[in-house]
Each structure stands twice: as C-alpha cells, then as structure tokens.
Amino acid sequence: MQIIIKGNLTMPQLRQAFYEKLMELEEEFGVAHLKGATLYVNPTNEFGEDVILRNKFGQPVHKLFSHGPYRSCAEELKI
C-alpha cells in the first residue's frame, strides 16, 4: 500500500496530509494494524532546491530509524 502526497509542502503541511491519509485508512478501510511503514521524503529549501541533511559531524544522513513511539513507564508496567 502506498500513500503518495505531492507538492512543495512545509513540515506542518506534510504532517497534516499524512495524518489525513492515515485517518482515511483507518476510518474508510478499517485498517487497525500495520507491520511497519517506510516514508520517503525529499527535503528542499524554500526555493525548492534539494538539500542534503547532515549530522553534527558534517556526514550526510540518509535514514532515520524508529521502533515506534516513546512508551511511558506506566505503559510498560501496565499501570
């Protein structure tokens, strides 16, 4: 399943568009669980020119990994 969001967007606009598509999956198609997701983004500056993301050492960053949202201790201990 692909979700395609086109256009030059600010981060808040992309976040909202992505949220709306996830809500559509949930409400209109009844999707309740996912195995995971890969989101490809094309960072640009305000002029639409590609930018290279770099870490604090100046090395290019191509991937960010997540193991899901932060879980509080209460969630972990089922309190």
Protein backbone atom coordinates (compact mmCIF):
# COMPACT_ATOMS: atom_id res chain seq x y z
CA MET A 1 0.00 0.00 0.00
CA GLN A 2 1.44 3.37 -1.00
CA ILE A 3 0.39 6.79 0.22
CA ILE A 4 1.56 9.47 -2.21
CA ILE A 5 1.50 13.14 -1.19
CA LYS A 6 2.57 15.55 -3.92
CA GLY A 7 3.56 19.19 -3.93
CA ASN A 8 6.02 21.51 -2.22
CA LEU A 9 4.98 21.34 1.42
CA THR A 10 6.12 22.69 4.73
CA MET A 11 6.67 20.17 7.52
CA PRO A 12 3.33 21.05 9.19
CA GLN A 13 1.52 20.64 5.84
CA LEU A 14 3.13 17.24 5.22
CA ARG A 15 2.35 16.13 8.78
CA GLN A 16 -1.31 17.10 8.32
CA ALA A 17 -1.60 15.47 4.88
CA PHE A 18 -0.03 12.26 6.18
CA TYR A 19 -2.32 12.28 9.22
CA GLU A 20 -5.38 12.71 6.98
CA LYS A 21 -4.37 9.74 4.81
CA LEU A 22 -3.76 7.55 7.87
CA MET A 23 -7.18 8.54 9.20
CA GLU A 24 -8.68 7.60 5.83
CA LEU A 25 -7.04 4.16 6.03
CA GLU A 26 -8.46 3.68 9.49
CA GLU A 27 -11.97 5.09 9.03
CA GLU A 28 -12.81 4.23 5.42
CA PHE A 29 -10.94 0.95 5.03
CA GLY A 30 -10.96 -0.36 8.59
CA VAL A 31 -7.19 -0.73 8.89
CA ALA A 32 -6.35 -1.27 12.56
CA HIS A 33 -2.83 -2.75 12.42
CA LEU A 34 0.30 -2.28 10.31
CA LYS A 35 3.54 -4.25 10.12
CA GLY A 36 5.51 -1.04 9.67
CA ALA A 37 5.91 1.87 7.32
CA THR A 38 8.59 3.50 5.23
CA LEU A 39 8.26 7.19 4.47
CA TYR A 40 10.47 8.67 1.76
CA VAL A 41 10.90 12.44 1.88
CA ASN A 42 12.69 14.82 -0.46
CA PRO A 43 13.97 17.74 1.66
CA THR A 44 14.21 21.10 -0.07
CA ASN A 45 14.87 24.70 0.86
CA GLU A 46 12.26 27.44 0.47
CA PHE A 47 13.17 27.73 -3.24
CA GLY A 48 12.50 24.06 -3.98
CA GLU A 49 16.20 23.20 -4.30
CA ASP A 50 17.32 19.83 -2.93
CA VAL A 51 19.22 19.91 0.36
CA ILE A 52 21.50 17.29 1.92
CA LEU A 53 20.82 16.60 5.58
CA ARG A 54 23.95 16.32 7.73
CA ASN A 55 24.63 15.25 11.29
CA LYS A 56 26.67 17.30 13.79
CA PHE A 57 29.90 15.86 12.30
CA GLY A 58 29.01 17.01 8.78
CA GLN A 59 28.27 13.50 7.50
CA PRO A 60 25.26 13.03 5.20
CA VAL A 61 22.20 11.45 6.83
CA HIS A 62 20.13 9.20 4.56
CA LYS A 63 17.98 7.22 7.02
CA LEU A 64 16.26 7.73 10.35
CA PHE A 65 15.06 4.66 12.27
CA SER A 66 12.26 4.33 14.81
CA HIS A 67 10.99 1.46 16.93
CA GLY A 68 7.64 3.20 17.41
CA PRO A 69 6.54 5.95 19.75
CA TYR A 70 8.00 6.51 23.20
CA ARG A 71 6.28 4.33 25.79
CA SER A 72 6.00 5.66 29.34
CA CYS A 73 6.88 3.52 32.36
CA ALA A 74 3.16 3.31 33.16
CA GLU A 75 2.51 1.77 29.74
CA GLU A 76 5.43 -0.63 30.11
CA LEU A 77 4.25 -1.75 33.55
CA LYS A 78 0.56 -1.67 32.54
CA ILE A 79 -0.28 0.65 35.44
